[in-house]
Protein backbone atom coordinates (compact mmCIF):
# COMPACT_ATOMS: atom_id res chain seq x y z
CA UNK A 1 -26.37 99.37 59.73
CA UNK A 2 -24.73 101.65 62.28
CA UNK A 3 -24.53 100.58 65.88
CA UNK A 4 -25.95 103.88 67.10
CA UNK A 5 -28.15 102.75 69.97
CA UNK A 6 -25.72 103.97 72.62
CA UNK A 7 -25.92 107.69 73.27
CA UNK A 8 -22.27 108.47 72.54
CA UNK A 9 -23.12 111.82 70.91
CA UNK A 10 -25.89 113.81 72.59
CA UNK A 11 -27.14 117.14 71.28
CA UNK A 12 -28.71 119.84 73.33
CA UNK A 13 -32.40 120.44 72.68
CA UNK A 14 -31.52 123.64 70.80
CA UNK A 15 -28.98 121.83 68.60
CA UNK A 16 -31.50 119.06 67.87
CA UNK A 17 -34.15 121.62 66.89
CA UNK A 18 -31.71 123.28 64.49
CA UNK A 19 -30.56 119.91 63.07
CA UNK A 20 -34.07 118.52 62.60
CA UNK A 21 -34.37 119.26 58.85
CA UNK A 22 -31.03 117.53 58.21
CA UNK A 23 -31.99 114.60 60.45
CA UNK A 24 -35.25 114.18 58.49
CA UNK A 25 -33.35 114.30 55.21
CA UNK A 26 -30.93 111.61 56.42
CA UNK A 27 -33.86 109.45 57.51
CA UNK A 28 -35.46 109.78 54.06
CA UNK A 29 -32.19 108.88 52.34
CA UNK A 30 -30.95 106.25 54.80
CA UNK A 31 -34.25 104.65 55.75
CA UNK A 32 -34.04 102.39 58.77
CA UNK A 33 -30.24 102.58 58.57
CA UNK A 34 -30.18 106.32 59.32
CA UNK A 35 -28.53 107.54 62.49
CA UNK A 36 -30.47 107.73 65.75
CA UNK A 37 -30.32 111.25 67.21
CA UNK A 38 -30.09 111.58 70.98
CA UNK A 39 -30.77 114.89 72.68
CA UNK A 40 -31.71 116.48 75.97
CA UNK A 41 -31.01 119.40 78.24
CA UNK A 42 -27.34 119.82 79.14
CA UNK A 43 -26.50 116.94 76.76
CA UNK A 44 -28.18 114.37 79.01
CA UNK A 45 -29.92 111.85 76.72
CA UNK A 46 -33.65 112.09 77.37
CA UNK A 47 -35.02 111.63 73.84
CA UNK A 48 -34.00 109.57 70.84
CA UNK A 49 -35.26 110.35 67.35
CA UNK A 50 -35.43 107.03 65.53
CA UNK A 51 -36.05 106.64 61.79
CA UNK A 52 -39.66 105.58 61.22
CA UNK A 53 -38.60 102.52 59.21
CA UNK A 54 -36.49 101.30 62.11
CA UNK A 55 -39.30 101.92 64.58
CA UNK A 56 -41.68 99.90 62.40
CA UNK A 57 -39.23 96.99 62.47
CA UNK A 58 -38.70 97.26 66.22
CA UNK A 59 -42.31 97.96 67.26
CA UNK A 60 -43.34 94.30 67.82
CA UNK A 61 -40.32 93.82 70.07
CA UNK A 62 -40.95 97.05 71.95
CA UNK A 63 -44.56 95.99 72.46
CA UNK A 64 -43.40 92.60 73.81
CA UNK A 65 -41.05 94.36 76.25
CA UNK A 66 -43.85 96.62 77.49
CA UNK A 67 -46.22 93.67 77.91
CA UNK A 68 -43.52 91.71 79.76
CA UNK A 69 -43.00 94.62 82.16
CA UNK A 70 -46.72 94.65 82.94
CA UNK A 71 -46.74 90.89 83.48
CA UNK A 72 -43.73 91.10 85.81
CA UNK A 73 -45.42 93.82 87.84
CA UNK A 74 -48.65 91.82 88.05
CA UNK A 75 -46.80 88.65 89.05
CA UNK A 76 -44.95 90.55 91.78
CA UNK A 77 -48.23 92.02 93.01
CA UNK A 78 -49.82 88.56 93.28
CA UNK A 79 -46.75 86.72 94.57
CA UNK A 80 -47.63 84.51 97.52
CA UNK A 81 -51.38 84.68 96.95
CA UNK A 82 -53.31 81.49 96.31
CA UNK A 83 -53.79 80.68 92.64
CA UNK A 84 -56.60 79.01 90.72
CA UNK A 85 -56.02 76.76 87.73
CA UNK A 86 -58.08 77.00 84.57
CA UNK A 87 -59.49 73.53 85.30
CA UNK A 88 -60.67 74.79 88.71
CA UNK A 89 -62.35 77.79 87.09
CA UNK A 90 -64.04 75.49 84.55
CA UNK A 91 -65.34 73.31 87.36
CA UNK A 92 -66.48 76.30 89.43
CA UNK A 93 -68.42 77.73 86.48
CA UNK A 94 -69.70 74.37 85.28
CA UNK A 95 -67.89 74.63 81.97
CA UNK A 96 -67.33 71.28 80.29
CA UNK A 97 -65.00 71.61 77.27
CA UNK A 98 -65.94 68.13 76.01
CA UNK A 99 -69.66 68.98 76.08
CA UNK A 100 -69.02 72.26 74.23
CA UNK A 101 -66.97 70.39 71.59
CA UNK A 102 -69.76 67.83 71.15
CA UNK A 103 -72.36 70.61 70.80
CA UNK A 104 -70.18 72.40 68.23
CA UNK A 105 -69.70 69.21 66.24
CA UNK A 106 -73.45 68.45 66.30
CA UNK A 107 -74.28 71.99 65.15
CA UNK A 108 -71.68 71.83 62.35
CA UNK A 109 -73.18 68.52 61.18
CA UNK A 110 -76.68 69.95 61.34
CA UNK A 111 -75.61 72.97 59.26
CA UNK A 112 -73.64 70.83 56.84
CA UNK A 113 -70.28 72.43 57.64
CA UNK A 114 -67.48 70.22 58.83
């Protein structure tokens, strides 16, 4: 697999448009190992065309990164504010996990599923 995640060669938008059929052909032939195409105005990398197979492989990791960014932002927003534990929420709402477990077990026994 090529190490082509650094935008060492950047096409202009016009060049990328003209090269698109060849880029698609290379992606079909090379699969996830095909070259990533970077392009943008004045050769500044603003867009990367990534083979679909590679994107499918990377998508869970990309999703994790996006979720992590949201969590970091939320944590920063709430930094210094008082927090509430799950046990405190349970107590506040009157939720008793042991009682729920006992009810579930009794219902499963009653229905003959265990």
